[in-house]
Amino acid sequence: LRTAHIGVGNMGAADLKAISSHNLVDVVALCDVDANNLAAAHKEHP
């Protein structure tokens, strides 16, 4: 499953962590209006 995540700060970061912990998930896109949130998420999913 290739997933796109819209909103990756705060609760979005928790959602991203939990979804991506599934061994059949590939995180392929990240979206956030806050560049700091986006950078932190991209660090985990470069």
PDB file of all heavy atoms in Angstrom:
ATOM      1  N   LEU A   1       0.845  -1.194   0.000  1.00  0.00           N
ATOM      2  CA  LEU A   1       0.000   0.000   0.000  1.00  0.00           C
ATOM      3  C   LEU A   1       0.878   1.239   0.000  1.00  0.00           C
ATOM      4  O   LEU A   1       1.670   1.449   0.926  1.00  0.00           O
ATOM      5  CB  LEU A   1      -0.903  -0.010   1.242  1.00  0.00           C
ATOM      6  CG  LEU A   1      -2.048   1.011   1.228  1.00  0.00           C
ATOM      7  CD1 LEU A   1      -3.120   0.574   0.223  1.00  0.00           C
ATOM      8  CD2 LEU A   1      -2.660   1.160   2.614  1.00  0.00           C
ATOM      9  N   ARG A   2       0.708   2.073  -1.017  1.00  0.00           N
ATOM     10  CA  ARG A   2       1.448   3.335  -1.116  1.00  0.00           C
ATOM     11  C   ARG A   2       0.571   4.443  -0.546  1.00  0.00           C
ATOM     12  O   ARG A   2      -0.520   4.701  -1.063  1.00  0.00           O
ATOM     13  CB  ARG A   2       1.803   3.627  -2.573  1.00  0.00           C
ATOM     14  CG  ARG A   2       2.688   2.551  -3.220  1.00  0.00           C
ATOM     15  CD  ARG A   2       2.775   2.742  -4.725  1.00  0.00           C
ATOM     16  NE  ARG A   2       1.449   2.629  -5.353  1.00  0.00           N
ATOM     17  CZ  ARG A   2       1.235   2.777  -6.669  1.00  0.00           C
ATOM     18  NH1 ARG A   2       2.243   3.056  -7.479  1.00  0.00           N
ATOM     19  NH2 ARG A   2       0.006   2.657  -7.148  1.00  0.00           N
ATOM     20  N   THR A   3       1.032   5.077   0.511  1.00  0.00           N
ATOM     21  CA  THR A   3       0.201   6.040   1.228  1.00  0.00           C
ATOM     22  C   THR A   3       0.677   7.475   1.062  1.00  0.00           C
ATOM     23  O   THR A   3       1.878   7.751   0.976  1.00  0.00           O
ATOM     24  CB  THR A   3       0.139   5.718   2.733  1.00  0.00           C
ATOM     25  OG1 THR A   3       1.472   5.735   3.277  1.00  0.00           O
ATOM     26  CG2 THR A   3      -0.489   4.348   2.964  1.00  0.00           C
ATOM     27  N   ALA A   4      -0.304   8.388   1.031  1.00  0.00           N
ATOM     28  CA  ALA A   4      -0.044   9.828   1.059  1.00  0.00           C
ATOM     29  C   ALA A   4      -0.638  10.372   2.346  1.00  0.00           C
ATOM     30  O   ALA A   4      -1.777  10.036   2.706  1.00  0.00           O
ATOM     31  CB  ALA A   4      -0.678  10.511  -0.146  1.00  0.00           C
ATOM     32  N   HIS A   5       0.104  11.233   3.038  1.00  0.00           N
ATOM     33  CA  HIS A   5      -0.302  11.746   4.348  1.00  0.00           C
ATOM     34  C   HIS A   5      -0.458  13.257   4.288  1.00  0.00           C
ATOM     35  O   HIS A   5       0.510  13.978   4.017  1.00  0.00           O
ATOM     36  CB  HIS A   5       0.732  11.352   5.406  1.00  0.00           C
ATOM     37  CG  HIS A   5       0.866   9.878   5.578  1.00  0.00           C
ATOM     38  ND1 HIS A   5       0.346   9.204   6.652  1.00  0.00           N
ATOM     39  CD2 HIS A   5       1.436   8.932   4.777  1.00  0.00           C
ATOM     40  CE1 HIS A   5       0.600   7.910   6.526  1.00  0.00           C
ATOM     41  NE2 HIS A   5       1.251   7.714   5.394  1.00  0.00           N
ATOM     42  N   ILE A   6      -1.678  13.732   4.546  1.00  0.00           N
ATOM     43  CA  ILE A   6      -1.981  15.158   4.514  1.00  0.00           C
ATOM     44  C   ILE A   6      -2.139  15.646   5.947  1.00  0.00           C
ATOM     45  O   ILE A   6      -3.101  15.299   6.633  1.00  0.00           O
ATOM     46  CB  ILE A   6      -3.260  15.419   3.701  1.00  0.00           C
ATOM     47  CG1 ILE A   6      -3.109  14.865   2.286  1.00  0.00           C
ATOM     48  CG2 ILE A   6      -3.578  16.908   3.665  1.00  0.00           C
ATOM     49  CD1 ILE A   6      -4.380  14.917   1.465  1.00  0.00           C
ATOM     50  N   GLY A   7      -1.183  16.439   6.398  1.00  0.00           N
ATOM     51  CA  GLY A   7      -1.112  16.846   7.799  1.00  0.00           C
ATOM     52  C   GLY A   7      -0.219  15.882   8.553  1.00  0.00           C
ATOM     53  O   GLY A   7      -0.619  14.753   8.825  1.00  0.00           O
ATOM     54  N   VAL A   8       1.009  16.313   8.881  1.00  0.00           N
ATOM     55  CA  VAL A   8       1.974  15.385   9.501  1.00  0.00           C
ATOM     56  C   VAL A   8       2.551  15.940  10.800  1.00  0.00           C
ATOM     57  O   VAL A   8       3.569  15.452  11.294  1.00  0.00           O
ATOM     58  CB  VAL A   8       3.106  15.017   8.514  1.00  0.00           C
ATOM     59  CG1 VAL A   8       2.545  14.215   7.350  1.00  0.00           C
ATOM     60  CG2 VAL A   8       3.847  16.256   8.010  1.00  0.00           C
ATOM     61  N   GLY A   9       1.893  16.948  11.387  1.00  0.00           N
ATOM     62  CA  GLY A   9       2.315  17.463  12.683  1.00  0.00           C
ATOM     63  C   GLY A   9       1.363  17.000  13.763  1.00  0.00           C
ATOM     64  O   GLY A   9       0.206  16.652  13.501  1.00  0.00           O
ATOM     65  N   ASN A  10       1.827  16.968  15.002  1.00  0.00           N
ATOM     66  CA  ASN A  10       0.980  16.599  16.146  1.00  0.00           C
ATOM     67  C   ASN A  10       0.267  15.271  15.893  1.00  0.00           C
ATOM     68  O   ASN A  10       0.910  14.253  15.746  1.00  0.00           O
ATOM     69  CB  ASN A  10      -0.001  17.739  16.440  1.00  0.00           C
ATOM     70  CG  ASN A  10       0.708  19.029  16.804  1.00  0.00           C
ATOM     71  OD1 ASN A  10       1.627  19.012  17.603  1.00  0.00           O
ATOM     72  ND2 ASN A  10       0.295  20.132  16.222  1.00  0.00           N
ATOM     73  N   MET A  11      -1.083  15.256  15.824  1.00  0.00           N
ATOM     74  CA  MET A  11      -1.790  13.994  15.613  1.00  0.00           C
ATOM     75  C   MET A  11      -1.417  13.375  14.280  1.00  0.00           C
ATOM     76  O   MET A  11      -1.371  12.150  14.132  1.00  0.00           O
ATOM     77  CB  MET A  11      -3.300  14.227  15.683  1.00  0.00           C
ATOM     78  CG  MET A  11      -4.099  12.929  15.795  1.00  0.00           C
ATOM     79  SD  MET A  11      -3.734  12.048  17.334  1.00  0.00           S
ATOM     80  CE  MET A  11      -3.922  10.350  16.809  1.00  0.00           C
ATOM     81  N   GLY A  12      -1.142  14.223  13.286  1.00  0.00           N
ATOM     82  CA  GLY A  12      -0.721  13.702  11.991  1.00  0.00           C
ATOM     83  C   GLY A  12       0.576  12.928  12.069  1.00  0.00           C
ATOM     84  O   GLY A  12       0.765  11.928  11.351  1.00  0.00           O
ATOM     85  N   ALA A  13       1.481  13.359  12.941  1.00  0.00           N
ATOM     86  CA  ALA A  13       2.741  12.640  13.128  1.00  0.00           C
ATOM     87  C   ALA A  13       2.480  11.271  13.745  1.00  0.00           C
ATOM     88  O   ALA A  13       3.106  10.272  13.370  1.00  0.00           O
ATOM     89  CB  ALA A  13       3.683  13.454  14.006  1.00  0.00           C
ATOM     90  N   ALA A  14       1.533  11.207  14.702  1.00  0.00           N
ATOM     91  CA  ALA A  14       1.175   9.921  15.309  1.00  0.00           C
ATOM     92  C   ALA A  14       0.517   9.007  14.289  1.00  0.00           C
ATOM     93  O   ALA A  14       0.790   7.798  14.240  1.00  0.00           O
ATOM     94  CB  ALA A  14       0.245  10.157  16.496  1.00  0.00           C
ATOM     95  N   ASP A  15      -0.365   9.575  13.444  1.00  0.00           N
ATOM     96  CA  ASP A  15      -1.001   8.779  12.401  1.00  0.00           C
ATOM     97  C   ASP A  15       0.030   8.221  11.428  1.00  0.00           C
ATOM     98  O   ASP A  15      -0.029   7.054  11.023  1.00  0.00           O
ATOM     99  CB  ASP A  15      -2.019   9.634  11.638  1.00  0.00           C
ATOM    100  CG  ASP A  15      -3.244   9.997  12.461  1.00  0.00           C
ATOM    101  OD1 ASP A  15      -3.443   9.391  13.532  1.00  0.00           O
ATOM    102  OD2 ASP A  15      -4.000  10.880  12.024  1.00  0.00           O
ATOM    103  N   LEU A  16       0.962   9.061  11.041  1.00  0.00           N
ATOM    104  CA  LEU A  16       2.021   8.642  10.120  1.00  0.00           C
ATOM    105  C   LEU A  16       2.851   7.511  10.714  1.00  0.00           C
ATOM    106  O   LEU A  16       3.141   6.510  10.043  1.00  0.00           O
ATOM    107  CB  LEU A  16       2.916   9.845   9.791  1.00  0.00           C
ATOM    108  CG  LEU A  16       4.178   9.580   8.973  1.00  0.00           C
ATOM    109  CD1 LEU A  16       3.841   8.982   7.608  1.00  0.00           C
ATOM    110  CD2 LEU A  16       4.982  10.873   8.805  1.00  0.00           C
ATOM    111  N   LYS A  17       3.207   7.639  11.981  1.00  0.00           N
ATOM    112  CA  LYS A  17       4.015   6.611  12.638  1.00  0.00           C
ATOM    113  C   LYS A  17       3.270   5.280  12.687  1.00  0.00           C
ATOM    114  O   LYS A  17       3.844   4.215  12.399  1.00  0.00           O
ATOM    115  CB  LYS A  17       4.371   7.063  14.051  1.00  0.00           C
ATOM    116  CG  LYS A  17       5.224   6.061  14.824  1.00  0.00           C
ATOM    117  CD  LYS A  17       5.556   6.593  16.213  1.00  0.00           C
ATOM    118  CE  LYS A  17       6.388   5.591  17.004  1.00  0.00           C
ATOM    119  NZ  LYS A  17       6.698   6.102  18.373  1.00  0.00           N
ATOM    120  N   ALA A  18       1.986   5.329  13.035  1.00  0.00           N
ATOM    121  CA  ALA A  18       1.212   4.096  13.186  1.00  0.00           C
ATOM    122  C   ALA A  18       0.935   3.429  11.838  1.00  0.00           C
ATOM    123  O   ALA A  18       1.074   2.211  11.700  1.00  0.00           O
ATOM    124  CB  ALA A  18      -0.094   4.387  13.907  1.00  0.00           C
ATOM    125  N   ILE A  19       0.541   4.204  10.845  1.00  0.00           N
ATOM    126  CA  ILE A  19       0.278   3.630   9.521  1.00  0.00           C
ATOM    127  C   ILE A  19       1.551   3.038   8.930  1.00  0.00           C
ATOM    128  O   ILE A  19       1.560   1.913   8.395  1.00  0.00           O
ATOM    129  CB  ILE A  19      -0.296   4.696   8.567  1.00  0.00           C
ATOM    130  CG1 ILE A  19      -1.721   5.084   8.979  1.00  0.00           C
ATOM    131  CG2 ILE A  19      -0.269   4.226   7.117  1.00  0.00           C
ATOM    132  CD1 ILE A  19      -2.801   4.091   8.630  1.00  0.00           C
ATOM    133  N   SER A  20       2.649   3.768   9.032  1.00  0.00           N
ATOM    134  CA  SER A  20       3.905   3.314   8.413  1.00  0.00           C
ATOM    135  C   SER A  20       4.530   2.147   9.155  1.00  0.00           C
ATOM    136  O   SER A  20       5.440   1.494   8.628  1.00  0.00           O
ATOM    137  CB  SER A  20       4.906   4.469   8.323  1.00  0.00           C
ATOM    138  OG  SER A  20       5.283   4.923   9.609  1.00  0.00           O
ATOM    139  N   SER A  21       4.044   1.846  10.366  1.00  0.00           N
ATOM    140  CA  SER A  21       4.579   0.700  11.102  1.00  0.00           C
ATOM    141  C   SER A  21       4.093  -0.624  10.519  1.00  0.00           C
ATOM    142  O   SER A  21       4.625  -1.684  10.850  1.00  0.00           O
ATOM    143  CB  SER A  21       4.202   0.786  12.581  1.00  0.00           C
ATOM    144  OG  SER A  21       2.804   0.605  12.772  1.00  0.00           O
ATOM    145  N   HIS A  22       3.091  -0.574   9.675  1.00  0.00           N
ATOM    146  CA  HIS A  22       2.621  -1.787   8.992  1.00  0.00           C
ATOM    147  C   HIS A  22       3.672  -2.208   7.959  1.00  0.00           C
ATOM    148  O   HIS A  22       4.147  -1.388   7.176  1.00  0.00           O
ATOM    149  CB  HIS A  22       1.280  -1.509   8.306  1.00  0.00           C
ATOM    150  CG  HIS A  22       0.539  -2.741   7.893  1.00  0.00           C
ATOM    151  ND1 HIS A  22       0.987  -3.575   6.891  1.00  0.00           N
ATOM    152  CD2 HIS A  22      -0.631  -3.271   8.334  1.00  0.00           C
ATOM    153  CE1 HIS A  22       0.123  -4.573   6.732  1.00  0.00           C
ATOM    154  NE2 HIS A  22      -0.858  -4.418   7.607  1.00  0.00           N
ATOM    155  N   ASN A  23       4.015  -3.466   7.959  1.00  0.00           N
ATOM    156  CA  ASN A  23       5.129  -3.906   7.109  1.00  0.00           C
ATOM    157  C   ASN A  23       4.814  -3.953   5.620  1.00  0.00           C
ATOM    158  O   ASN A  23       5.702  -4.236   4.810  1.00  0.00           O
ATOM    159  CB  ASN A  23       5.663  -5.273   7.572  1.00  0.00           C
ATOM    160  CG  ASN A  23       4.624  -6.378   7.474  1.00  0.00           C
ATOM    161  OD1 ASN A  23       3.499  -6.144   7.029  1.00  0.00           O
ATOM    162  ND2 ASN A  23       4.992  -7.583   7.886  1.00  0.00           N
ATOM    163  N   LEU A  24       3.573  -3.644   5.251  1.00  0.00           N
ATOM    164  CA  LEU A  24       3.219  -3.632   3.831  1.00  0.00           C
ATOM    165  C   LEU A  24       2.883  -2.223   3.336  1.00  0.00           C
ATOM    166  O   LEU A  24       2.273  -2.055   2.280  1.00  0.00           O
ATOM    167  CB  LEU A  24       2.031  -4.567   3.569  1.00  0.00           C
ATOM    168  CG  LEU A  24       2.295  -6.054   3.790  1.00  0.00           C
ATOM    169  CD1 LEU A  24       1.032  -6.876   3.568  1.00  0.00           C
ATOM    170  CD2 LEU A  24       3.407  -6.544   2.859  1.00  0.00           C
ATOM    171  N   VAL A  25       3.313  -1.213   4.098  1.00  0.00           N
ATOM    172  CA  VAL A  25       3.055   0.182   3.734  1.00  0.00           C
ATOM    173  C   VAL A  25       4.327   0.853   3.227  1.00  0.00           C
ATOM    174  O   VAL A  25       5.399   0.696   3.822  1.00  0.00           O
ATOM    175  CB  VAL A  25       2.489   0.970   4.929  1.00  0.00           C
ATOM    176  CG1 VAL A  25       2.579   2.480   4.707  1.00  0.00           C
ATOM    177  CG2 VAL A  25       1.040   0.583   5.184  1.00  0.00           C
ATOM    178  N   ASP A  26       4.189   1.577   2.147  1.00  0.00           N
ATOM    179  CA  ASP A  26       5.256   2.442   1.641  1.00  0.00           C
ATOM    180  C   ASP A  26       4.731   3.873   1.644  1.00  0.00           C
ATOM    181  O   ASP A  26       3.755   4.183   0.946  1.00  0.00           O
ATOM    182  CB  ASP A  26       5.655   2.066   0.213  1.00  0.00           C
ATOM    183  CG  ASP A  26       6.232   0.665   0.114  1.00  0.00           C
ATOM    184  OD1 ASP A  26       7.001   0.287   1.016  1.00  0.00           O
ATOM    185  OD2 ASP A  26       5.912  -0.046  -0.865  1.00  0.00           O
ATOM    186  N   VAL A  27       5.333   4.738   2.442  1.00  0.00           N
ATOM    187  CA  VAL A  27       4.943   6.144   2.483  1.00  0.00           C
ATOM    188  C   VAL A  27       5.597   6.836   1.289  1.00  0.00           C
ATOM    189  O   VAL A  27       6.814   6.928   1.203  1.00  0.00           O
ATOM    190  CB  VAL A  27       5.395   6.801   3.802  1.00  0.00           C
ATOM    191  CG1 VAL A  27       5.058   8.291   3.788  1.00  0.00           C
ATOM    192  CG2 VAL A  27       4.740   6.112   4.993  1.00  0.00           C
ATOM    193  N   VAL A  28       4.771   7.334   0.381  1.00  0.00           N
ATOM    194  CA  VAL A  28       5.321   7.907  -0.854  1.00  0.00           C
ATOM    195  C   VAL A  28       5.096   9.411  -0.967  1.00  0.00           C
ATOM    196  O   VAL A  28       5.721  10.059  -1.815  1.00  0.00           O
ATOM    197  CB  VAL A  28       4.737   7.203  -2.102  1.00  0.00           C
ATOM    198  CG1 VAL A  28       5.115   5.737  -2.110  1.00  0.00           C
ATOM    199  CG2 VAL A  28       3.226   7.374  -2.183  1.00  0.00           C
ATOM    200  N   ALA A  29       4.215   9.985  -0.130  1.00  0.00           N
ATOM    201  CA  ALA A  29       3.965  11.426  -0.211  1.00  0.00           C
ATOM    202  C   ALA A  29       3.605  11.980   1.154  1.00  0.00           C
ATOM    203  O   ALA A  29       2.873  11.355   1.920  1.00  0.00           O
ATOM    204  CB  ALA A  29       2.855  11.727  -1.211  1.00  0.00           C
ATOM    205  N   LEU A  30       4.137  13.177   1.447  1.00  0.00           N
ATOM    206  CA  LEU A  30       3.877  13.878   2.701  1.00  0.00           C
ATOM    207  C   LEU A  30       3.452  15.297   2.374  1.00  0.00           C
ATOM    208  O   LEU A  30       4.034  15.936   1.489  1.00  0.00           O
ATOM    209  CB  LEU A  30       5.140  13.913   3.567  1.00  0.00           C
ATOM    210  CG  LEU A  30       5.788  12.581   3.926  1.00  0.00           C
ATOM    211  CD1 LEU A  30       7.182  12.804   4.508  1.00  0.00           C
ATOM    212  CD2 LEU A  30       4.914  11.824   4.922  1.00  0.00           C
ATOM    213  N   CYS A  31       2.454  15.805   3.095  1.00  0.00           N
ATOM    214  CA  CYS A  31       1.958  17.148   2.831  1.00  0.00           C
ATOM    215  C   CYS A  31       1.662  17.863   4.136  1.00  0.00           C
ATOM    216  O   CYS A  31       0.998  17.306   5.015  1.00  0.00           O
ATOM    217  CB  CYS A  31       0.693  17.064   1.975  1.00  0.00           C
ATOM    218  SG  CYS A  31      -0.030  18.672   1.543  1.00  0.00           S
ATOM    219  N   ASP A  32       2.139  19.097   4.263  1.00  0.00           N
ATOM    220  CA  ASP A  32       1.816  19.918   5.431  1.00  0.00           C
ATOM    221  C   ASP A  32       2.065  21.372   5.090  1.00  0.00           C
ATOM    222  O   ASP A  32       3.015  21.692   4.358  1.00  0.00           O
ATOM    223  CB  ASP A  32       2.660  19.517   6.644  1.00  0.00           C
ATOM    224  CG  ASP A  32       2.011  19.925   7.958  1.00  0.00           C
ATOM    225  OD1 ASP A  32       1.941  21.137   8.228  1.00  0.00           O
ATOM    226  OD2 ASP A  32       1.555  19.035   8.701  1.00  0.00           O
ATOM    227  N   VAL A  33       1.228  22.259   5.628  1.00  0.00           N
ATOM    228  CA  VAL A  33       1.384  23.694   5.384  1.00  0.00           C
ATOM    229  C   VAL A  33       2.471  24.295   6.270  1.00  0.00           C
ATOM    230  O   VAL A  33       2.871  25.438   6.068  1.00  0.00           O
ATOM    231  CB  VAL A  33       0.057  24.429   5.625  1.00  0.00           C
ATOM    232  CG1 VAL A  33      -1.022  23.900   4.687  1.00  0.00           C
ATOM    233  CG2 VAL A  33      -0.399  24.310   7.079  1.00  0.00           C
ATOM    234  N   ASP A  34       2.945  23.527   7.247  1.00  0.00           N
ATOM    235  CA  ASP A  34       4.000  23.960   8.160  1.00  0.00           C
ATOM    236  C   ASP A  34       5.298  23.263   7.754  1.00  0.00           C
ATOM    237  O   ASP A  34       5.411  22.036   7.866  1.00  0.00           O
ATOM    238  CB  ASP A  34       3.620  23.604   9.594  1.00  0.00           C
ATOM    239  CG  ASP A  34       4.583  24.172  10.632  1.00  0.00           C
ATOM    240  OD1 ASP A  34       5.801  24.076  10.415  1.00  0.00           O
ATOM    241  OD2 ASP A  34       4.109  24.677  11.665  1.00  0.00           O
ATOM    242  N   ALA A  35       6.268  24.046   7.287  1.00  0.00           N
ATOM    243  CA  ALA A  35       7.516  23.469   6.778  1.00  0.00           C
ATOM    244  C   ALA A  35       8.281  22.722   7.866  1.00  0.00           C
ATOM    245  O   ALA A  35       9.006  21.761   7.570  1.00  0.00           O
ATOM    246  CB  ALA A  35       8.389  24.562   6.172  1.00  0.00           C
ATOM    247  N   ASN A  36       8.135  23.139   9.118  1.00  0.00           N
ATOM    248  CA  ASN A  36       8.823  22.446  10.206  1.00  0.00           C
ATOM    249  C   ASN A  36       8.254  21.035  10.395  1.00  0.00           C
ATOM    250  O   ASN A  36       8.996  20.070  10.580  1.00  0.00           O
ATOM    251  CB  ASN A  36       8.700  23.236  11.505  1.00  0.00           C
ATOM    252  CG  ASN A  36       9.489  24.524  11.487  1.00  0.00           C
ATOM    253  OD1 ASN A  36      10.356  24.716  10.637  1.00  0.00           O
ATOM    254  ND2 ASN A  36       9.187  25.434  12.392  1.00  0.00           N
ATOM    255  N   ASN A  37       6.922  20.922  10.375  1.00  0.00           N
ATOM    256  CA  ASN A  37       6.294  19.603  10.470  1.00  0.00           C
ATOM    257  C   ASN A  37       6.719  18.719   9.303  1.00  0.00           C
ATOM    258  O   ASN A  37       6.999  17.525   9.471  1.00  0.00           O
ATOM    259  CB  ASN A  37       4.765  19.733  10.453  1.00  0.00           C
ATOM    260  CG  ASN A  37       4.211  20.391  11.695  1.00  0.00           C
ATOM    261  OD1 ASN A  37       4.869  20.451  12.732  1.00  0.00           O
ATOM    262  ND2 ASN A  37       2.986  20.884  11.597  1.00  0.00           N
ATOM    263  N   LEU A  38       6.739  19.307   8.121  1.00  0.00           N
ATOM    264  CA  LEU A  38       7.076  18.554   6.924  1.00  0.00           C
ATOM    265  C   LEU A  38       8.516  18.060   6.973  1.00  0.00           C
ATOM    266  O   LEU A  38       8.802  16.905   6.612  1.00  0.00           O
ATOM    267  CB  LEU A  38       6.854  19.435   5.691  1.00  0.00           C
ATOM    268  CG  LEU A  38       6.747  18.744   4.338  1.00  0.00           C
ATOM    269  CD1 LEU A  38       5.625  17.719   4.322  1.00  0.00           C
ATOM    270  CD2 LEU A  38       6.529  19.782   3.242  1.00  0.00           C
ATOM    271  N   ALA A  39       9.418  18.905   7.440  1.00  0.00           N
ATOM    272  CA  ALA A  39      10.833  18.514   7.522  1.00  0.00           C
ATOM    273  C   ALA A  39      11.030  17.370   8.511  1.00  0.00           C
ATOM    274  O   ALA A  39      11.794  16.435   8.252  1.00  0.00           O
ATOM    275  CB  ALA A  39      11.676  19.718   7.930  1.00  0.00           C
ATOM    276  N   ALA A  40      10.328  17.435   9.652  1.00  0.00           N
ATOM    277  CA  ALA A  40      10.447  16.361  10.647  1.00  0.00           C
ATOM    278  C   ALA A  40       9.926  15.043  10.093  1.00  0.00           C
ATOM    279  O   ALA A  40      10.542  13.983  10.297  1.00  0.00           O
ATOM    280  CB  ALA A  40       9.687  16.746  11.914  1.00  0.00           C
ATOM    281  N   ALA A  41       8.822  15.080   9.372  1.00  0.00           N
ATOM    282  CA  ALA A  41       8.274  13.849   8.798  1.00  0.00           C
ATOM    283  C   ALA A  41       9.156  13.314   7.685  1.00  0.00           C
ATOM    284  O   ALA A  41       9.359  12.097   7.557  1.00  0.00           O
ATOM    285  CB  ALA A  41       6.864  14.115   8.264  1.00  0.00           C
ATOM    286  N   HIS A  42       9.706  14.221   6.895  1.00  0.00           N
ATOM    287  CA  HIS A  42      10.566  13.791   5.776  1.00  0.00           C
ATOM    288  C   HIS A  42      11.862  13.169   6.281  1.00  0.00           C
ATOM    289  O   HIS A  42      12.426  12.282   5.632  1.00  0.00           O
ATOM    290  CB  HIS A  42      10.865  14.991   4.870  1.00  0.00           C
ATOM    291  CG  HIS A  42      11.462  14.607   3.562  1.00  0.00           C
ATOM    292  ND1 HIS A  42      12.660  15.111   3.107  1.00  0.00           N
ATOM    293  CD2 HIS A  42      11.027  13.741   2.610  1.00  0.00           C
ATOM    294  CE1 HIS A  42      12.930  14.587   1.931  1.00  0.00           C
ATOM    295  NE2 HIS A  42      11.953  13.753   1.607  1.00  0.00           N
ATOM    296  N   LYS A  43      12.309  13.605   7.437  1.00  0.00           N
ATOM    297  CA  LYS A  43      13.506  13.015   8.025  1.00  0.00           C
ATOM    298  C   LYS A  43      13.289  11.538   8.323  1.00  0.00           C
ATOM    299  O   LYS A  43      14.206  10.713   8.184  1.00  0.00           O
ATOM    300  CB  LYS A  43      13.878  13.764   9.308  1.00  0.00           C
ATOM    301  CG  LYS A  43      15.179  13.293   9.947  1.00  0.00           C
ATOM    302  CD  LYS A  43      15.518  14.143  11.167  1.00  0.00           C
ATOM    303  CE  LYS A  43      16.813  13.675  11.805  1.00  0.00           C
ATOM    304  NZ  LYS A  43      17.158  14.498  13.013  1.00  0.00           N
ATOM    305  N   GLU A  44      12.061  11.186   8.728  1.00  0.00           N
ATOM    306  CA  GLU A  44      11.722   9.796   9.013  1.00  0.00           C
ATOM    307  C   GLU A  44      11.404   9.010   7.747  1.00  0.00           C
ATOM    308  O   GLU A  44      11.537   7.782   7.721  1.00  0.00           O
ATOM    309  CB  GLU A  44      10.518   9.742   9.959  1.00  0.00           C
ATOM    310  CG  GLU A  44      10.750  10.366  11.325  1.00  0.00           C
ATOM    311  CD  GLU A  44      11.834   9.640  12.103  1.00  0.00           C
ATOM    312  OE1 GLU A  44      11.860   8.387  12.053  1.00  0.00           O
ATOM    313  OE2 GLU A  44      12.639  10.321  12.766  1.00  0.00           O
ATOM    314  N   HIS A  45      10.984   9.711   6.692  1.00  0.00           N
ATOM    315  CA  HIS A  45      10.602   9.043   5.437  1.00  0.00           C
ATOM    316  C   HIS A  45      11.235   9.794   4.265  1.00  0.00           C
ATOM    317  O   HIS A  45      10.542  10.439   3.464  1.00  0.00           O
ATOM    318  CB  HIS A  45       9.082   9.011   5.297  1.00  0.00           C
ATOM    319  CG  HIS A  45       8.394   8.278   6.406  1.00  0.00           C
ATOM    320  ND1 HIS A  45       8.252   6.904   6.414  1.00  0.00           N
ATOM    321  CD2 HIS A  45       7.838   8.735   7.566  1.00  0.00           C
ATOM    322  CE1 HIS A  45       7.625   6.542   7.520  1.00  0.00           C
ATOM    323  NE2 HIS A  45       7.379   7.623   8.237  1.00  0.00           N
ATOM    324  N   PRO A  46      12.560   9.725   4.152  1.00  0.00           N
ATOM    325  CA  PRO A  46      13.271  10.528   3.145  1.00  0.00           C
ATOM    326  C   PRO A  46      12.939  10.150   1.709  1.00  0.00           C
ATOM    327  O   PRO A  46      13.191  10.935   0.787  1.00  0.00           O
ATOM    328  CB  PRO A  46      14.743  10.246   3.471  1.00  0.00           C
ATOM    329  CG  PRO A  46      14.748   8.950   4.202  1.00  0.00           C
ATOM    330  CD  PRO A  46      13.470   8.933   4.986  1.00  0.00           C
TER     331      PRO A  46
END
